[in-house]
PDB file of N, CA and C in Angstrom:
ATOM      1  N   MET A   1     100.883 106.038  70.189  1.00  0.00           N
ATOM      2  CA  MET A   1     100.589 104.792  70.856  1.00  0.00           C
ATOM      3  C   MET A   1     101.205 103.665  70.029  1.00  0.00           C
ATOM      4  N   ALA A   2     101.271 102.489  70.588  1.00  0.00           N
ATOM      5  CA  ALA A   2     101.938 101.366  69.956  1.00  0.00           C
ATOM      6  C   ALA A   2     101.165 100.845  68.757  1.00  0.00           C
ATOM      7  N   LYS A   3     101.899 100.257  67.839  1.00  0.00           N
ATOM      8  CA  LYS A   3     101.283  99.661  66.674  1.00  0.00           C
ATOM      9  C   LYS A   3     100.777  98.275  67.046  1.00  0.00           C
ATOM     10  N   THR A   4      99.482  98.066  66.896  1.00  0.00           N
ATOM     11  CA  THR A   4      98.886  96.768  67.201  1.00  0.00           C
ATOM     12  C   THR A   4      97.975  96.367  66.069  1.00  0.00           C
ATOM     13  N   SER A   5      97.621  95.115  66.067  1.00  0.00           N
ATOM     14  CA  SER A   5      96.590  94.672  65.140  1.00  0.00           C
ATOM     15  C   SER A   5      95.287  94.506  65.901  1.00  0.00           C
ATOM     16  N   ALA A   6      95.200  95.187  67.055  1.00  0.00           N
ATOM     17  CA  ALA A   6      94.017  95.094  67.898  1.00  0.00           C
ATOM     18  C   ALA A   6      92.787  95.672  67.218  1.00  0.00           C
ATOM     19  N   SER A   7      92.982  96.448  66.165  1.00  0.00           N
ATOM     20  CA  SER A   7      91.833  97.006  65.477  1.00  0.00           C
ATOM     21  C   SER A   7      91.100  95.931  64.684  1.00  0.00           C
ATOM     22  N   LYS A   8      91.756  94.797  64.466  1.00  0.00           N
ATOM     23  CA  LYS A   8      91.083  93.686  63.815  1.00  0.00           C
ATOM     24  C   LYS A   8      90.137  93.053  64.818  1.00  0.00           C
ATOM     25  N   PRO A   9      88.963  92.656  64.398  1.00  0.00           N
ATOM     26  CA  PRO A   9      88.007  92.106  65.356  1.00  0.00           C
ATOM     27  C   PRO A   9      88.469  90.770  65.917  1.00  0.00           C
ATOM     28  N   ALA A  10      88.376  90.630  67.234  1.00  0.00           N
ATOM     29  CA  ALA A  10      88.688  89.371  67.883  1.00  0.00           C
ATOM     30  C   ALA A  10      87.434  88.519  67.909  1.00  0.00           C
ATOM     31  N   ALA A  11      87.627  87.228  67.881  1.00  0.00           N
ATOM     32  CA  ALA A  11      86.487  86.325  67.921  1.00  0.00           C
ATOM     33  C   ALA A  11      85.843  86.361  69.293  1.00  0.00           C
ATOM     34  N   ARG A  12      84.557  86.071  69.352  1.00  0.00           N
ATOM     35  CA  ARG A  12      83.855  85.996  70.630  1.00  0.00           C
ATOM     36  C   ARG A  12      84.384  84.816  71.415  1.00  0.00           C
ATOM     37  N   GLY A  13      84.352  84.946  72.747  1.00  0.00           N
ATOM     38  CA  GLY A  13      84.745  83.847  73.601  1.00  0.00           C
ATOM     39  C   GLY A  13      86.240  83.631  73.673  1.00  0.00           C
ATOM     40  N   GLY A  14      87.034  84.542  73.119  1.00  0.00           N
ATOM     41  CA  GLY A  14      88.479  84.426  73.208  1.00  0.00           C
ATOM     42  C   GLY A  14      89.080  83.385  72.283  1.00  0.00           C
ATOM     43  N   LYS A  15      88.284  82.874  71.320  1.00  0.00           N
ATOM     44  CA  LYS A  15      88.804  81.878  70.395  1.00  0.00           C
ATOM     45  C   LYS A  15      89.371  82.587  69.182  1.00  0.00           C
ATOM     46  N   PRO A  16      90.430  82.031  68.598  1.00  0.00           N
ATOM     47  CA  PRO A  16      91.022  82.676  67.434  1.00  0.00           C
ATOM     48  C   PRO A  16      90.021  82.849  66.304  1.00  0.00           C
ATOM     49  N   ASP A  17      90.055  83.968  65.660  1.00  0.00           N
ATOM     50  CA  ASP A  17      89.220  84.269  64.515  1.00  0.00           C
ATOM     51  C   ASP A  17      89.883  83.625  63.301  1.00  0.00           C
ATOM     52  N   ALA A  18      89.167  82.804  62.588  1.00  0.00           N
ATOM     53  CA  ALA A  18      89.743  82.093  61.454  1.00  0.00           C
ATOM     54  C   ALA A  18      90.277  83.064  60.409  1.00  0.00           C
ATOM     55  N   LYS A  19      89.595  84.187  60.228  1.00  0.00           N
ATOM     56  CA  LYS A  19      90.013  85.167  59.233  1.00  0.00           C
ATOM     57  C   LYS A  19      91.277  85.901  59.678  1.00  0.00           C
ATOM     58  N   VAL A  20      91.332  86.298  60.949  1.00  0.00           N
ATOM     59  CA  VAL A  20      92.463  87.063  61.459  1.00  0.00           C
ATOM     60  C   VAL A  20      93.585  86.134  61.901  1.00  0.00           C
ATOM     61  N   GLY A  21      93.223  84.990  62.523  1.00  0.00           N
ATOM     62  CA  GLY A  21      94.228  84.026  62.939  1.00  0.00           C
ATOM     63  C   GLY A  21      94.847  84.336  64.286  1.00  0.00           C
ATOM     64  N   LEU A  22      94.277  85.251  65.063  1.00  0.00           N
ATOM     65  CA  LEU A  22      94.815  85.561  66.380  1.00  0.00           C
ATOM     66  C   LEU A  22      93.740  86.138  67.274  1.00  0.00           C
ATOM     67  N   VAL A  23      94.022  86.113  68.548  1.00  0.00           N
ATOM     68  CA  VAL A  23      93.134  86.760  69.511  1.00  0.00           C
ATOM     69  C   VAL A  23      93.841  88.031  69.937  1.00  0.00           C
ATOM     70  N   ALA A  24      93.287  89.165  69.595  1.00  0.00           N
ATOM     71  CA  ALA A  24      93.913  90.437  69.940  1.00  0.00           C
ATOM     72  C   ALA A  24      93.433  90.878  71.310  1.00  0.00           C
ATOM     73  N   VAL A  25      94.306  91.603  72.022  1.00  0.00           N
ATOM     74  CA  VAL A  25      93.969  92.090  73.347  1.00  0.00           C
ATOM     75  C   VAL A  25      92.818  93.079  73.272  1.00  0.00           C
ATOM     76  N   GLY A  26      92.595  93.611  72.146  1.00  0.00           N
ATOM     77  CA  GLY A  26      91.537  94.598  71.967  1.00  0.00           C
ATOM     78  C   GLY A  26      92.112  95.992  72.102  1.00  0.00           C
ATOM     79  N   LYS A  27      91.826  96.794  71.123  1.00  0.00           N
ATOM     80  CA  LYS A  27      92.347  98.158  71.092  1.00  0.00           C
ATOM     81  C   LYS A  27      91.936  98.939  72.328  1.00  0.00           C
ATOM     82  N   ALA A  28      90.687  98.775  72.757  1.00  0.00           N
ATOM     83  CA  ALA A  28      90.192  99.523  73.914  1.00  0.00           C
ATOM     84  C   ALA A  28      90.957  99.142  75.182  1.00  0.00           C
ATOM     85  N   ARG A  29      91.189  97.848  75.393  1.00  0.00           N
ATOM     86  CA  ARG A  29      91.926  97.405  76.590  1.00  0.00           C
ATOM     87  C   ARG A  29      93.369  97.891  76.552  1.00  0.00           C
ATOM     88  N   PHE A  30      94.000  97.741  75.398  1.00  0.00           N
ATOM     89  CA  PHE A  30      95.385  98.196  75.254  1.00  0.00           C
ATOM     90  C   PHE A  30      95.489  99.682  75.580  1.00  0.00           C
ATOM     91  N   GLU A  31      94.621 100.467  74.976  1.00  0.00           N
ATOM     92  CA  GLU A  31      94.656 101.912  75.202  1.00  0.00           C
ATOM     93  C   GLU A  31      94.326 102.262  76.645  1.00  0.00           C
ATOM     94  N   ALA A  32      93.384 101.535  77.262  1.00  0.00           N
ATOM     95  CA  ALA A  32      93.022 101.804  78.656  1.00  0.00           C
ATOM     96  C   ALA A  32      94.207 101.555  79.581  1.00  0.00           C
ATOM     97  N   VAL A  33      94.908 100.449  79.369  1.00  0.00           N
ATOM     98  CA  VAL A  33      96.074 100.127  80.204  1.00  0.00           C
ATOM     99  C   VAL A  33      97.161 101.175  80.012  1.00  0.00           C
ATOM    100  N   MET A  34      97.437 101.513  78.773  1.00  0.00           N
ATOM    101  CA  MET A  34      98.519 102.459  78.505  1.00  0.00           C
ATOM    102  C   MET A  34      98.170 103.868  78.983  1.00  0.00           C
ATOM    103  N   GLN A  35      96.910 104.271  78.873  1.00  0.00           N
ATOM    104  CA  GLN A  35      96.502 105.587  79.373  1.00  0.00           C
ATOM    105  C   GLN A  35      96.562 105.628  80.890  1.00  0.00           C
ATOM    106  N   ALA A  36      96.165 104.535  81.541  1.00  0.00           N
ATOM    107  CA  ALA A  36      96.264 104.477  83.006  1.00  0.00           C
ATOM    108  C   ALA A  36      97.714 104.537  83.447  1.00  0.00           C
ATOM    109  N   ALA A  37      98.587 103.869  82.733  1.00  0.00           N
ATOM    110  CA  ALA A  37     100.016 103.913  83.055  1.00  0.00           C
ATOM    111  C   ALA A  37     100.560 105.326  82.861  1.00  0.00           C
ATOM    112  N   GLN A  38     100.108 105.991  81.812  1.00  0.00           N
ATOM    113  CA  GLN A  38     100.536 107.372  81.552  1.00  0.00           C
ATOM    114  C   GLN A  38     100.077 108.291  82.681  1.00  0.00           C
ATOM    115  N   ARG A  39      98.794 108.182  83.059  1.00  0.00           N
ATOM    116  CA  ARG A  39      98.249 109.020  84.135  1.00  0.00           C
ATOM    117  C   ARG A  39      98.955 108.755  85.459  1.00  0.00           C
ATOM    118  N   SER A  40      99.396 107.533  85.666  1.00  0.00           N
ATOM    119  CA  SER A  40     100.092 107.166  86.906  1.00  0.00           C
ATOM    120  C   SER A  40     101.549 107.598  86.905  1.00  0.00           C
ATOM    121  N   GLY A  41     101.998 108.165  85.800  1.00  0.00           N
ATOM    122  CA  GLY A  41     103.380 108.614  85.708  1.00  0.00           C
ATOM    123  C   GLY A  41     104.368 107.502  85.390  1.00  0.00           C
ATOM    124  N   LEU A  42     103.857 106.352  84.996  1.00  0.00           N
ATOM    125  CA  LEU A  42     104.736 105.216  84.731  1.00  0.00           C
ATOM    126  C   LEU A  42     105.427 105.285  83.375  1.00  0.00           C
ATOM    127  N   LEU A  43     104.956 106.157  82.504  1.00  0.00           N
ATOM    128  CA  LEU A  43     105.525 106.246  81.159  1.00  0.00           C
ATOM    129  C   LEU A  43     106.210 107.582  80.883  1.00  0.00           C
ATOM    130  N   SER A  44     106.372 108.389  81.920  1.00  0.00           N
ATOM    131  CA  SER A  44     106.865 109.750  81.711  1.00  0.00           C
ATOM    132  C   SER A  44     108.305 109.808  81.215  1.00  0.00           C
ATOM    133  N   GLU A  45     109.150 108.958  81.708  1.00  0.00           N
ATOM    134  CA  GLU A  45     110.550 108.979  81.298  1.00  0.00           C
ATOM    135  C   GLU A  45     110.911 107.625  80.732  1.00  0.00           C
ATOM    136  N   LYS A  46     111.419 107.617  79.522  1.00  0.00           N
ATOM    137  CA  LYS A  46     111.771 106.353  78.886  1.00  0.00           C
ATOM    138  C   LYS A  46     113.279 106.271  78.691  1.00  0.00           C
ATOM    139  N   SER A  47     113.995 106.242  79.807  1.00  0.00           N
ATOM    140  CA  SER A  47     115.450 106.121  79.718  1.00  0.00           C
ATOM    141  C   SER A  47     115.928 104.763  80.213  1.00  0.00           C
ATOM    142  N   GLY A  48     115.027 103.974  80.792  1.00  0.00           N
ATOM    143  CA  GLY A  48     115.390 102.656  81.291  1.00  0.00           C
ATOM    144  C   GLY A  48     115.526 101.661  80.161  1.00  0.00           C
ATOM    145  N   ARG A  49     116.350 100.673  80.403  1.00  0.00           N
ATOM    146  CA  ARG A  49     116.555  99.641  79.401  1.00  0.00           C
ATOM    147  C   ARG A  49     116.610  98.299  80.112  1.00  0.00           C
ATOM    148  N   ILE A  50     115.932  97.310  79.564  1.00  0.00           N
ATOM    149  CA  ILE A  50     116.009  95.973  80.132  1.00  0.00           C
ATOM    150  C   ILE A  50     116.443  95.007  79.049  1.00  0.00           C
ATOM    151  N   GLY A  51     116.989  93.919  79.474  1.00  0.00           N
ATOM    152  CA  GLY A  51     117.403  92.887  78.534  1.00  0.00           C
ATOM    153  C   GLY A  51     117.299  91.539  79.213  1.00  0.00           C
ATOM    154  N   GLY A  52     117.081  90.553  78.459  1.00  0.00           N
ATOM    155  CA  GLY A  52     116.998  89.215  79.005  1.00  0.00           C
ATOM    156  C   GLY A  52     116.763  88.222  77.894  1.00  0.00           C
ATOM    157  N   ARG A  53     116.993  86.991  78.223  1.00  0.00           N
ATOM    158  CA  ARG A  53     116.772  85.926  77.253  1.00  0.00           C
ATOM    159  C   ARG A  53     115.435  85.262  77.564  1.00  0.00           C
ATOM    160  N   VAL A  54     114.589  85.229  76.557  1.00  0.00           N
ATOM    161  CA  VAL A  54     113.292  84.581  76.688  1.00  0.00           C
ATOM    162  C   VAL A  54     113.065  83.714  75.456  1.00  0.00           C
ATOM    163  N   SER A  55     112.181  82.780  75.603  1.00  0.00           N
ATOM    164  CA  SER A  55     111.848  81.875  74.520  1.00  0.00           C
ATOM    165  C   SER A  55     111.202  82.629  73.364  1.00  0.00           C
ATOM    166  N   PRO A  56     111.686  82.415  72.152  1.00  0.00           N
ATOM    167  CA  PRO A  56     111.026  83.034  70.996  1.00  0.00           C
ATOM    168  C   PRO A  56     109.560  82.604  70.879  1.00  0.00           C
ATOM    169  N   ALA A  57     109.256  81.383  71.308  1.00  0.00           N
ATOM    170  CA  ALA A  57     107.871  80.914  71.269  1.00  0.00           C
ATOM    171  C   ALA A  57     106.997  81.729  72.220  1.00  0.00           C
ATOM    172  N   LEU A  58     107.546  82.101  73.389  1.00  0.00           N
ATOM    173  CA  LEU A  58     106.806  82.930  74.344  1.00  0.00           C
ATOM    174  C   LEU A  58     106.500  84.293  73.741  1.00  0.00           C
ATOM    175  N   ILE A  59     107.480  84.889  73.108  1.00  0.00           N
ATOM    176  CA  ILE A  59     107.297  86.201  72.480  1.00  0.00           C
ATOM    177  C   ILE A  59     106.256  86.114  71.371  1.00  0.00           C
ATOM    178  N   GLU A  60     106.375  85.120  70.517  1.00  0.00           N
ATOM    179  CA  GLU A  60     105.445  84.975  69.409  1.00  0.00           C
ATOM    180  C   GLU A  60     104.016  84.742  69.900  1.00  0.00           C
ATOM    181  N   GLN A  61     103.852  83.890  70.909  1.00  0.00           N
ATOM    182  CA  GLN A  61     102.521  83.630  71.451  1.00  0.00           C
ATOM    183  C   GLN A  61     101.926  84.897  72.068  1.00  0.00           C
ATOM    184  N   ALA A  62     102.750  85.649  72.817  1.00  0.00           N
ATOM    185  CA  ALA A  62     102.277  86.892  73.428  1.00  0.00           C
ATOM    186  C   ALA A  62     101.863  87.895  72.352  1.00  0.00           C
ATOM    187  N   LYS A  63     102.624  87.971  71.284  1.00  0.00           N
ATOM    188  CA  LYS A  63     102.268  88.871  70.184  1.00  0.00           C
ATOM    189  C   LYS A  63     100.967  88.433  69.525  1.00  0.00           C
ATOM    190  N   GLN A  64     100.794  87.141  69.351  1.00  0.00           N
ATOM    191  CA  GLN A  64      99.555  86.642  68.754  1.00  0.00           C
ATOM    192  C   GLN A  64      98.366  86.895  69.673  1.00  0.00           C
ATOM    193  N   GLN A  65      98.550  86.709  70.969  1.00  0.00           N
ATOM    194  CA  GLN A  65      97.453  86.903  71.921  1.00  0.00           C
ATOM    195  C   GLN A  65      97.040  88.369  72.034  1.00  0.00           C
ATOM    196  N   THR A  66      98.010  89.262  71.913  1.00  0.00           N
ATOM    197  CA  THR A  66      97.720  90.683  72.105  1.00  0.00           C
ATOM    198  C   THR A  66      97.513  91.444  70.811  1.00  0.00           C
ATOM    199  N   GLY A  67      98.113  90.983  69.738  1.00  0.00           N
ATOM    200  CA  GLY A  67      98.072  91.736  68.493  1.00  0.00           C
ATOM    201  C   GLY A  67      99.140  92.808  68.436  1.00  0.00           C
ATOM    202  N   ILE A  68      99.979  92.889  69.456  1.00  0.00           N
ATOM    203  CA  ILE A  68     101.063  93.867  69.491  1.00  0.00           C
ATOM    204  C   ILE A  68     102.215  93.340  68.650  1.00  0.00           C
ATOM    205  N   GLU A  69     102.739  94.163  67.770  1.00  0.00           N
ATOM    206  CA  GLU A  69     103.760  93.715  66.829  1.00  0.00           C
ATOM    207  C   GLU A  69     105.187  94.015  67.278  1.00  0.00           C
ATOM    208  N   ALA A  70     105.412  95.128  67.955  1.00  0.00           N
ATOM    209  CA  ALA A  70     106.767  95.532  68.329  1.00  0.00           C
ATOM    210  C   ALA A  70     107.153  94.990  69.702  1.00  0.00           C
ATOM    211  N   ASP A  71     108.377  94.466  69.809  1.00  0.00           N
ATOM    212  CA  ASP A  71     108.859  93.923  71.083  1.00  0.00           C
ATOM    213  C   ASP A  71     108.775  94.950  72.210  1.00  0.00           C
ATOM    214  N   THR A  72     109.213  96.172  71.949  1.00  0.00           N
ATOM    215  CA  THR A  72     109.203  97.215  72.978  1.00  0.00           C
ATOM    216  C   THR A  72     107.788  97.494  73.461  1.00  0.00           C
ATOM    217  N   ASP A  73     106.843  97.579  72.543  1.00  0.00           N
ATOM    218  CA  ASP A  73     105.454  97.835  72.916  1.00  0.00           C
ATOM    219  C   ASP A  73     104.875  96.667  73.712  1.00  0.00           C
ATOM    220  N   LEU A  74     105.254  95.452  73.336  1.00  0.00           N
ATOM    221  CA  LEU A  74     104.786  94.268  74.057  1.00  0.00           C
ATOM    222  C   LEU A  74     105.305  94.267  75.490  1.00  0.00           C
ATOM    223  N   ILE A  75     106.582  94.560  75.657  1.00  0.00           N
ATOM    224  CA  ILE A  75     107.181  94.614  76.995  1.00  0.00           C
ATOM    225  C   ILE A  75     106.535  95.722  77.814  1.00  0.00           C
ATOM    226  N   GLU A  76     106.344  96.887  77.219  1.00  0.00           N
ATOM    227  CA  GLU A  76     105.743  98.019  77.923  1.00  0.00           C
ATOM    228  C   GLU A  76     104.315  97.687  78.358  1.00  0.00           C
ATOM    229  N   PHE A  77     103.538  97.067  77.484  1.00  0.00           N
ATOM    230  CA  PHE A  77     102.170  96.685  77.825  1.00  0.00           C
ATOM    231  C   PHE A  77     102.161  95.654  78.951  1.00  0.00           C
ATOM    232  N   ALA A  78     103.017  94.652  78.855  1.00  0.00           N
ATOM    233  CA  ALA A  78     103.068  93.611  79.888  1.00  0.00           C
ATOM    234  C   ALA A  78     103.468  94.196  81.238  1.00  0.00           C
ATOM    235  N   LEU A  79     104.474  95.046  81.260  1.00  0.00           N
ATOM    236  CA  LEU A  79     104.908  95.659  82.514  1.00  0.00           C
ATOM    237  C   LEU A  79     103.843  96.593  83.081  1.00  0.00           C
ATOM    238  N   ALA A  80     103.193  97.357  82.209  1.00  0.00           N
ATOM    239  CA  ALA A  80     102.129  98.260  82.674  1.00  0.00           C
ATOM    240  C   ALA A  80     100.971  97.456  83.253  1.00  0.00           C
ATOM    241  N   THR A  81     100.640  96.343  82.636  1.00  0.00           N
ATOM    242  CA  THR A  81      99.559  95.497  83.137  1.00  0.00           C
ATOM    243  C   THR A  81      99.881  94.988  84.535  1.00  0.00           C
ATOM    244  N   VAL A  82     101.109  94.550  84.745  1.00  0.00           N
ATOM    245  CA  VAL A  82     101.527  94.065  86.072  1.00  0.00           C
ATOM    246  C   VAL A  82     101.582  95.221  87.066  1.00  0.00           C
ATOM    247  N   ALA A  83     102.143  96.344  86.653  1.00  0.00           N
ATOM    248  CA  ALA A  83     102.294  97.490  87.557  1.00  0.00           C
ATOM    249  C   ALA A  83     100.952  98.052  88.002  1.00  0.00           C
ATOM    250  N   LEU A  84      99.949  97.936  87.169  1.00  0.00           N
ATOM    251  CA  LEU A  84      98.629  98.483  87.485  1.00  0.00           C
ATOM    252  C   LEU A  84      97.692  97.450  88.099  1.00  0.00           C
ATOM    253  N   GLU A  85      98.177  96.254  88.357  1.00  0.00           N
ATOM    254  CA  GLU A  85      97.361  95.186  88.941  1.00  0.00           C
ATOM    255  C   GLU A  85      96.690  95.692  90.209  1.00  0.00           C
ATOM    256  N   ASP A  86      95.407  95.405  90.353  1.00  0.00           N
ATOM    257  CA  ASP A  86      94.663  95.918  91.510  1.00  0.00           C
ATOM    258  C   ASP A  86      94.710  94.992  92.724  1.00  0.00           C
ATOM    259  N   ASN A  87      95.334  93.827  92.608  1.00  0.00           N
ATOM    260  CA  ASN A  87      95.477  92.885  93.720  1.00  0.00           C
ATOM    261  C   ASN A  87      94.135  92.505  94.324  1.00  0.00           C
ATOM    262  N   PHE A  88      93.117  92.334  93.483  1.00  0.00           N
ATOM    263  CA  PHE A  88      91.781  92.006  93.961  1.00  0.00           C
ATOM    264  C   PHE A  88      91.773  90.724  94.787  1.00  0.00           C
ATOM    265  N   ALA A  89      92.425  89.679  94.296  1.00  0.00           N
ATOM    266  CA  ALA A  89      92.381  88.384  94.995  1.00  0.00           C
ATOM    267  C   ALA A  89      92.957  88.494  96.403  1.00  0.00           C
ATOM    268  N   ALA A  90      94.103  89.147  96.550  1.00  0.00           N
ATOM    269  CA  ALA A  90      94.724  89.295  97.873  1.00  0.00           C
ATOM    270  C   ALA A  90      93.849  90.142  98.789  1.00  0.00           C
ATOM    271  N   THR A  91      93.291  91.203  98.269  1.00  0.00           N
ATOM    272  CA  THR A  91      92.417  92.072  99.066  1.00  0.00           C
ATOM    273  C   THR A  91      91.157  91.317  99.478  1.00  0.00           C
ATOM    274  N   PHE A  92      90.618  90.531  98.567  1.00  0.00           N
ATOM    275  CA  PHE A  92      89.427  89.745  98.867  1.00  0.00           C
ATOM    276  C   PHE A  92      89.716  88.728  99.980  1.00  0.00           C
ATOM    277  N   ARG A  93      90.874  88.061  99.911  1.00  0.00           N
ATOM    278  CA  ARG A  93      91.256  87.095 100.952  1.00  0.00           C
ATOM    279  C   ARG A  93      91.426  87.771 102.299  1.00  0.00           C
ATOM    280  N   LYS A  94      91.998  88.959 102.317  1.00  0.00           N
ATOM    281  CA  LYS A  94      92.201  89.688 103.582  1.00  0.00           C
ATOM    282  C   LYS A  94      90.876  90.049 104.242  1.00  0.00           C
ATOM    283  N   SER A  95      89.831  90.248 103.436  1.00  0.00           N
ATOM    284  CA  SER A  95      88.552  90.651 104.000  1.00  0.00           C
ATOM    285  C   SER A  95      87.717  89.453 104.468  1.00  0.00           C
ATOM    286  N   ARG A  96      88.203  88.253 104.260  1.00  0.00           N
ATOM    287  CA  ARG A  96      87.459  87.047 104.651  1.00  0.00           C
ATOM    288  C   ARG A  96      87.153  87.067 106.151  1.00  0.00           C
ATOM    289  N   GLY A  97      85.890  86.829 106.470  1.00  0.00           N
ATOM    290  CA  GLY A  97      85.469  86.771 107.863  1.00  0.00           C
ATOM    291  C   GLY A  97      85.286  88.121 108.524  1.00  0.00           C
ATOM    292  N   LYS A  98      85.376  89.196 107.775  1.00  0.00           N
ATOM    293  CA  LYS A  98      85.257  90.530 108.357  1.00  0.00           C
ATOM    294  C   LYS A  98      83.893  91.169 108.119  1.00  0.00           C
ATOM    295  N   VAL A  99      83.006  90.450 107.463  1.00  0.00           N
ATOM    296  CA  VAL A  99      81.661  90.975 107.240  1.00  0.00           C
ATOM    297  C   VAL A  99      80.801  90.530 108.418  1.00  0.00           C
ATOM    298  N   ASP A 100      80.050  91.445 108.961  1.00  0.00           N
ATOM    299  CA  ASP A 100      79.181  91.168 110.104  1.00  0.00           C
ATOM    300  C   ASP A 100      78.201  90.059 109.747  1.00  0.00           C
ATOM    301  N   PRO A 101      78.195  88.944 110.494  1.00  0.00           N
ATOM    302  CA  PRO A 101      77.287  87.841 110.182  1.00  0.00           C
ATOM    303  C   PRO A 101      75.812  88.219 110.313  1.00  0.00           C
ATOM    304  N   GLU A 102      75.515  89.308 110.993  1.00  0.00           N
ATOM    305  CA  GLU A 102      74.139  89.765 111.143  1.00  0.00           C
ATOM    306  C   GLU A 102      73.676  90.652 109.979  1.00  0.00           C
ATOM    307  N   LEU A 103      74.564  90.974 109.069  1.00  0.00           N
ATOM    308  CA  LEU A 103      74.245  91.836 107.936  1.00  0.00           C
ATOM    309  C   LEU A 103      73.190  91.176 107.065  1.00  0.00           C
ATOM    310  N   LYS A 104      72.129  91.890 106.763  1.00  0.00           N
ATOM    311  CA  LYS A 104      71.045  91.393 105.908  1.00  0.00           C
ATOM    312  C   LYS A 104      71.385  91.724 104.456  1.00  0.00           C
ATOM    313  N   LEU A 105      71.534  90.687 103.641  1.00  0.00           N
ATOM    314  CA  LEU A 105      71.931  90.882 102.252  1.00  0.00           C
ATOM    315  C   LEU A 105      70.746  90.924 101.309  1.00  0.00           C
ATOM    316  N   GLY A 106      69.544  90.710 101.804  1.00  0.00           N
ATOM    317  CA  GLY A 106      68.371  90.844 100.959  1.00  0.00           C
ATOM    318  C   GLY A 106      67.997  89.611 100.177  1.00  0.00           C
ATOM    319  N   PHE A 107      68.551  88.481 100.525  1.00  0.00           N
ATOM    320  CA  PHE A 107      68.099  87.247  99.875  1.00  0.00           C
ATOM    321  C   PHE A 107      68.068  86.113 100.848  1.00  0.00           C
TER     322      PHE A 107
END
């Protein structure tokens, strides 16, 4: 698995920990995303290559936010997160007005 500093404790509330100096994505979340991507077959073959120009500040901030140190691991985590998105908001919007108005919700 990727080398991260996610094993360092993140501060509560998503605020930077003064001792660590960053907010890590959390080892459990990182591993959950990567394991889900593996189970989905998204990581089975690593022959693809991407390239692009991005702001060094964007890369540094993303590394600080996640605790991921390697560029490749950061890109893989970001892509896996997007690829595994559950589209909750869009699905929720599609269901608007489809609940029976006579349904008793108990309150």
